[in-house]
Amino acid sequence: MSGYYYLAKMKLLVFLSYRFEAFTSLGTNLIVAVANIYLWKAAYKGIDSVAGVKEDQMLTYTIMSTLLASFFSVNIEQALQERISQGDIAIDFFRPINIFLKYLAEDVGIAVSSLLSKLLPLFVIMTLLVQPPVPDSPIAFVLFLLSAVFSFLILWLISALISLLCFWVIQLGEIKTIKDGIILLLSGKIIPLWLFPKKIQTIISFLPFPYVYQTPLSIYIGQVQPEEAAASMLIQFVWIVLFTALLCFGWSRARKRVLIQGG
């Protein structure tokens, strides 16, 4: 365990050293947040609520969505693709650590660095310029934190499963772009899913994507009450278990492919 902690710590220190990247990312997230905020302000003009959600709740949802996006930093696809294309993946087989736990530890380190260099500054700026993104209740805040951890794991596991394709196609190409687009559209990151037609909502509810952004954000603003949040978080946990099992199965097949190709 100390080895994974060291990997996370090193990634944290490395990414904190890239101050220019942090500033540019902060500026990009700020522009996106402000644009979305004014969009929802215009949409709510003359309207008290939409789908039972008031304007201040929607603005809080938008702010927190931007904060979560700045925290959800997942790099496993790019890292694994580089290791495979350069032929360095074979070296990882001789290391006394699990390769995916290694990448998870590194991505946790990146996420913590994003928390310090991006999320906290964004939180302060949004609080001063727009409104404090206050949770619906202290219980909602605690449940939000736990749900956000589950969300990060779901997002990471989806990315890890996509990265396994590198063992067969070497370069992911547009596969990662398609995956990112689907998550952007169906996760509630930009448009809350309660604004979708009921039939579409029902179909999407059977997919893992709403549990990346929609679930924790709905808990935070009170659109999902604490007594209902347990059911949503249980579904998040089920997806984590399912994706972990799929990742273990996929990794066993990928290992055999590396051994065959490597003789």
Protein backbone atom coordinates (compact mmCIF):
# COMPACT_ATOMS: atom_id res chain seq x y z
CA MET A 1 0.00 0.00 0.00
CA SER A 2 2.90 2.36 0.74
CA GLY A 3 4.04 1.94 -2.87
CA TYR A 4 0.70 3.16 -4.24
CA TYR A 5 0.73 6.06 -1.78
CA TYR A 6 4.18 7.03 -3.05
CA LEU A 7 2.96 6.94 -6.67
CA ALA A 8 -0.02 9.16 -5.82
CA LYS A 9 2.23 11.57 -3.92
CA MET A 10 4.70 11.83 -6.80
CA LYS A 11 1.95 12.53 -9.33
CA LEU A 12 0.55 15.17 -6.99
CA LEU A 13 3.91 16.93 -6.73
CA VAL A 14 4.59 16.68 -10.47
CA PHE A 15 1.25 18.18 -11.50
CA LEU A 16 1.47 20.94 -8.90
CA SER A 17 4.75 21.98 -10.52
CA TYR A 18 3.00 22.67 -13.85
CA ARG A 19 1.60 26.04 -12.85
CA PHE A 20 0.97 27.32 -16.39
CA GLU A 21 -1.19 24.27 -17.19
CA ALA A 22 -3.11 24.86 -13.95
CA PHE A 23 -3.76 28.52 -14.81
CA THR A 24 -4.89 27.77 -18.37
CA SER A 25 -7.19 24.98 -17.17
CA LEU A 26 -8.58 27.27 -14.49
CA GLY A 27 -9.30 29.94 -17.09
CA THR A 28 -11.01 27.43 -19.41
CA ASN A 29 -13.23 26.06 -16.64
CA LEU A 30 -14.10 29.57 -15.54
CA ILE A 31 -15.19 30.59 -19.05
CA VAL A 32 -17.32 27.44 -19.41
CA ALA A 33 -18.92 27.97 -16.00
CA VAL A 34 -19.77 31.63 -16.65
CA ALA A 35 -21.22 30.81 -20.09
CA ASN A 36 -23.45 28.06 -18.63
CA ILE A 37 -24.54 30.27 -15.74
CA TYR A 38 -25.73 33.06 -18.02
CA LEU A 39 -27.41 30.48 -20.26
CA TRP A 40 -29.47 29.16 -17.33
CA LYS A 41 -30.19 32.70 -16.10
CA ALA A 42 -31.70 33.44 -19.51
CA ALA A 43 -33.62 30.16 -19.53
CA TYR A 44 -35.13 30.84 -16.10
CA LYS A 45 -36.15 34.41 -16.91
CA GLY A 46 -39.78 34.77 -15.87
CA ILE A 47 -39.96 31.15 -14.64
CA ASP A 48 -40.03 30.11 -10.98
CA SER A 49 -38.85 26.53 -11.46
CA VAL A 50 -38.25 23.82 -14.03
CA ALA A 51 -38.96 20.17 -13.12
CA GLY A 52 -39.22 21.31 -9.50
CA VAL A 53 -35.73 22.90 -9.55
CA LYS A 54 -35.43 26.62 -8.79
CA GLU A 55 -32.99 29.00 -10.44
CA ASP A 56 -30.59 29.19 -7.48
CA GLN A 57 -30.50 25.37 -7.34
CA MET A 58 -29.75 25.22 -11.07
CA LEU A 59 -26.92 27.73 -10.71
CA THR A 60 -25.50 25.72 -7.81
CA TYR A 61 -25.78 22.59 -9.96
CA THR A 62 -23.84 24.32 -12.76
CA ILE A 63 -21.13 25.59 -10.44
CA MET A 64 -20.67 22.23 -8.74
CA SER A 65 -20.64 20.46 -12.11
CA THR A 66 -17.69 22.63 -13.16
CA LEU A 67 -15.93 21.96 -9.86
CA LEU A 68 -16.41 18.20 -10.21
CA ALA A 69 -15.17 18.28 -13.81
CA SER A 70 -11.98 20.02 -12.69
CA PHE A 71 -11.48 17.32 -10.04
CA PHE A 72 -12.29 14.28 -12.22
CA SER A 73 -8.86 14.03 -13.85
CA VAL A 74 -8.36 10.59 -15.44
CA ASN A 75 -5.18 9.89 -17.36
CA ILE A 76 -5.09 6.08 -17.61
CA GLU A 77 -6.03 5.92 -21.31
CA GLN A 78 -3.21 8.16 -22.43
CA ALA A 79 -0.69 6.62 -20.02
CA LEU A 80 -1.44 3.00 -20.94
CA GLN A 81 -1.55 3.79 -24.66
CA GLU A 82 1.91 5.34 -24.46
CA ARG A 83 3.31 2.35 -22.54
CA ILE A 84 1.94 -0.09 -25.11
CA SER A 85 2.91 1.87 -28.24
CA GLN A 86 6.47 2.34 -26.93
CA GLY A 87 6.76 -1.32 -25.89
CA ASP A 88 7.33 -0.46 -22.22
CA ILE A 89 4.27 -2.36 -21.04
CA ALA A 90 6.37 -5.53 -20.70
CA ILE A 91 8.40 -3.87 -17.95
CA ASP A 92 5.23 -3.37 -15.90
CA PHE A 93 4.74 -7.14 -15.77
CA PHE A 94 7.91 -7.50 -13.70
CA ARG A 95 7.00 -4.86 -11.15
CA PRO A 96 5.67 -6.09 -7.78
CA ILE A 97 2.50 -3.99 -8.03
CA ASN A 98 -0.82 -4.28 -9.80
CA ILE A 99 -0.66 -2.24 -13.00
CA PHE A 100 -4.19 -0.85 -12.70
CA LEU A 101 -3.82 0.00 -9.03
CA LYS A 102 -0.66 1.84 -10.08
CA TYR A 103 -2.58 3.94 -12.61
CA LEU A 104 -5.42 4.47 -10.13
CA ALA A 105 -2.95 5.74 -7.52
CA GLU A 106 -1.43 8.11 -10.07
CA ASP A 107 -4.85 9.41 -11.13
CA VAL A 108 -5.81 9.94 -7.48
CA GLY A 109 -2.65 12.02 -7.13
CA ILE A 110 -3.63 14.04 -10.20
CA ALA A 111 -7.16 14.52 -8.80
CA VAL A 112 -5.80 15.78 -5.47
CA SER A 113 -3.53 18.23 -7.31
CA SER A 114 -6.57 19.40 -9.30
CA LEU A 115 -8.42 19.87 -6.01
CA LEU A 116 -5.73 22.26 -4.81
CA SER A 117 -4.86 24.05 -8.06
CA LYS A 118 -8.21 24.17 -9.86
CA LEU A 119 -11.22 23.29 -7.71
CA LEU A 120 -10.52 25.51 -4.71
CA PRO A 121 -9.69 28.64 -6.80
CA LEU A 122 -12.83 28.04 -8.90
CA PHE A 123 -14.91 27.68 -5.76
CA VAL A 124 -13.67 31.02 -4.43
CA ILE A 125 -14.20 32.82 -7.75
CA MET A 126 -17.72 31.41 -8.23
CA THR A 127 -18.63 32.31 -4.65
CA LEU A 128 -17.53 35.92 -5.18
CA LEU A 129 -18.88 36.42 -8.72
CA VAL A 130 -22.10 34.37 -8.76
CA GLN A 131 -23.30 32.83 -5.50
CA PRO A 132 -21.96 30.50 -2.82
CA PRO A 133 -22.73 26.93 -3.98
CA VAL A 134 -24.30 25.96 -0.67
CA PRO A 135 -25.55 22.35 -0.30
CA ASP A 136 -29.17 21.63 0.52
CA SER A 137 -28.22 20.39 4.00
CA PRO A 138 -25.20 19.10 5.96
CA ILE A 139 -26.40 15.52 5.38
CA ALA A 140 -26.69 16.24 1.65
CA PHE A 141 -23.10 17.49 1.65
CA VAL A 142 -21.77 14.33 3.34
CA LEU A 143 -23.72 12.09 0.97
CA PHE A 144 -22.51 14.20 -1.96
CA LEU A 145 -18.87 13.62 -0.99
CA LEU A 146 -19.37 9.85 -0.78
CA SER A 147 -21.34 9.80 -4.03
CA ALA A 148 -18.63 11.91 -5.73
CA VAL A 149 -16.02 9.31 -4.75
CA PHE A 150 -18.20 6.60 -6.31
CA SER A 151 -18.61 8.80 -9.39
CA PHE A 152 -14.86 9.17 -9.76
CA LEU A 153 -14.40 5.40 -9.52
CA ILE A 154 -17.11 4.77 -12.14
CA LEU A 155 -15.51 7.28 -14.51
CA TRP A 156 -12.06 5.82 -13.89
CA LEU A 157 -13.24 2.24 -14.44
CA ILE A 158 -14.96 3.18 -17.71
CA SER A 159 -11.72 4.80 -18.87
CA ALA A 160 -9.72 1.76 -17.71
CA LEU A 161 -11.97 -0.56 -19.72
CA ILE A 162 -11.56 1.64 -22.79
CA SER A 163 -7.78 1.65 -22.28
CA LEU A 164 -7.74 -2.16 -22.49
CA LEU A 165 -8.56 -1.82 -26.18
CA CYS A 166 -5.01 -0.55 -26.67
CA PHE A 167 -3.81 -4.16 -26.38
CA TRP A 168 -5.71 -4.91 -29.59
CA VAL A 169 -5.76 -1.62 -31.55
CA ILE A 170 -2.57 0.05 -30.18
CA GLN A 171 -4.00 3.54 -30.77
CA LEU A 172 -7.42 4.46 -29.42
CA GLY A 173 -7.91 7.21 -31.99
CA GLU A 174 -11.44 8.57 -31.84
CA ILE A 175 -12.68 5.90 -29.41
CA LYS A 176 -11.74 8.05 -26.42
CA THR A 177 -13.35 11.11 -28.04
CA ILE A 178 -16.60 9.18 -28.56
CA LYS A 179 -16.52 7.96 -24.96
CA ASP A 180 -15.97 11.51 -23.66
CA GLY A 181 -18.82 12.81 -25.85
CA ILE A 182 -21.25 10.17 -24.56
CA ILE A 183 -20.37 10.96 -20.96
CA LEU A 184 -20.71 14.69 -21.63
CA LEU A 185 -24.19 14.20 -23.10
CA LEU A 186 -25.64 11.47 -20.87
CA SER A 187 -24.04 12.12 -17.49
CA GLY A 188 -25.88 15.34 -16.66
CA LYS A 189 -22.65 17.32 -16.71
CA ILE A 190 -24.01 20.06 -18.98
CA ILE A 191 -27.76 19.40 -19.20
CA PRO A 192 -29.53 17.80 -16.20
CA LEU A 193 -31.24 14.61 -17.25
CA TRP A 194 -34.53 15.62 -15.64
CA LEU A 195 -34.95 18.00 -18.60
CA PHE A 196 -34.94 15.07 -21.03
CA PRO A 197 -38.22 13.41 -22.15
CA LYS A 198 -39.45 10.78 -19.69
CA LYS A 199 -38.85 7.88 -22.06
CA ILE A 200 -35.27 8.99 -22.66
CA GLN A 201 -34.74 9.37 -18.91
CA THR A 202 -35.94 5.81 -18.37
CA ILE A 203 -33.54 4.42 -20.97
CA ILE A 204 -30.58 6.42 -19.63
CA SER A 205 -31.29 5.29 -16.07
CA PHE A 206 -30.20 1.77 -17.05
CA LEU A 207 -26.78 3.09 -18.16
CA PRO A 208 -23.85 3.99 -15.88
CA PHE A 209 -23.40 7.52 -17.20
CA PRO A 210 -26.00 9.37 -15.06
CA TYR A 211 -24.18 8.14 -11.95
CA VAL A 212 -21.05 10.07 -12.87
CA TYR A 213 -22.38 13.64 -12.51
CA GLN A 214 -26.16 13.62 -12.17
CA THR A 215 -26.34 11.55 -8.96
CA PRO A 216 -23.93 13.51 -6.73
CA LEU A 217 -25.09 16.88 -8.07
CA SER A 218 -28.78 16.04 -7.54
CA ILE A 219 -28.01 15.03 -3.96
CA TYR A 220 -26.08 18.26 -3.39
CA ILE A 221 -28.86 20.62 -4.49
CA GLY A 222 -31.63 18.61 -2.81
CA GLN A 223 -33.30 17.42 -6.00
CA VAL A 224 -32.72 13.93 -4.59
CA GLN A 225 -33.48 13.79 -0.87
CA PRO A 226 -31.13 11.96 1.57
CA GLU A 227 -33.59 9.10 2.08
CA GLU A 228 -33.66 8.56 -1.71
CA ALA A 229 -29.92 9.03 -2.13
CA ALA A 230 -29.11 5.63 -0.61
CA ALA A 231 -30.78 3.82 -3.51
CA SER A 232 -28.85 5.87 -6.10
CA MET A 233 -25.56 5.33 -4.28
CA LEU A 234 -26.26 1.60 -4.07
CA ILE A 235 -26.63 1.55 -7.86
CA GLN A 236 -23.33 3.42 -8.11
CA PHE A 237 -21.69 0.73 -5.98
CA VAL A 238 -23.18 -2.02 -8.16
CA TRP A 239 -21.69 -0.40 -11.27
CA ILE A 240 -18.30 -0.20 -9.54
CA VAL A 241 -18.41 -3.90 -8.71
CA LEU A 242 -19.55 -4.81 -12.24
CA PHE A 243 -16.89 -2.70 -13.95
CA THR A 244 -14.19 -4.04 -11.62
CA ALA A 245 -15.15 -7.60 -12.55
CA LEU A 246 -15.10 -6.70 -16.26
CA LEU A 247 -11.72 -5.02 -15.86
CA CYS A 248 -10.25 -8.09 -14.16
CA PHE A 249 -11.59 -10.32 -16.94
CA GLY A 250 -10.35 -7.99 -19.67
CA TRP A 251 -6.94 -7.71 -18.06
CA SER A 252 -6.59 -11.50 -17.92
CA ARG A 253 -7.25 -11.64 -21.68
CA ALA A 254 -4.88 -8.72 -22.36
CA ARG A 255 -2.06 -10.37 -20.39
CA LYS A 256 -2.35 -13.49 -22.54
CA ARG A 257 -2.20 -11.38 -25.68
CA VAL A 258 0.99 -9.67 -24.51
CA LEU A 259 2.59 -13.03 -23.71
CA ILE A 260 1.62 -14.43 -27.12
CA GLN A 261 2.87 -11.39 -29.03
CA GLY A 262 6.04 -11.29 -26.98
CA GLY A 263 6.78 -14.97 -27.46
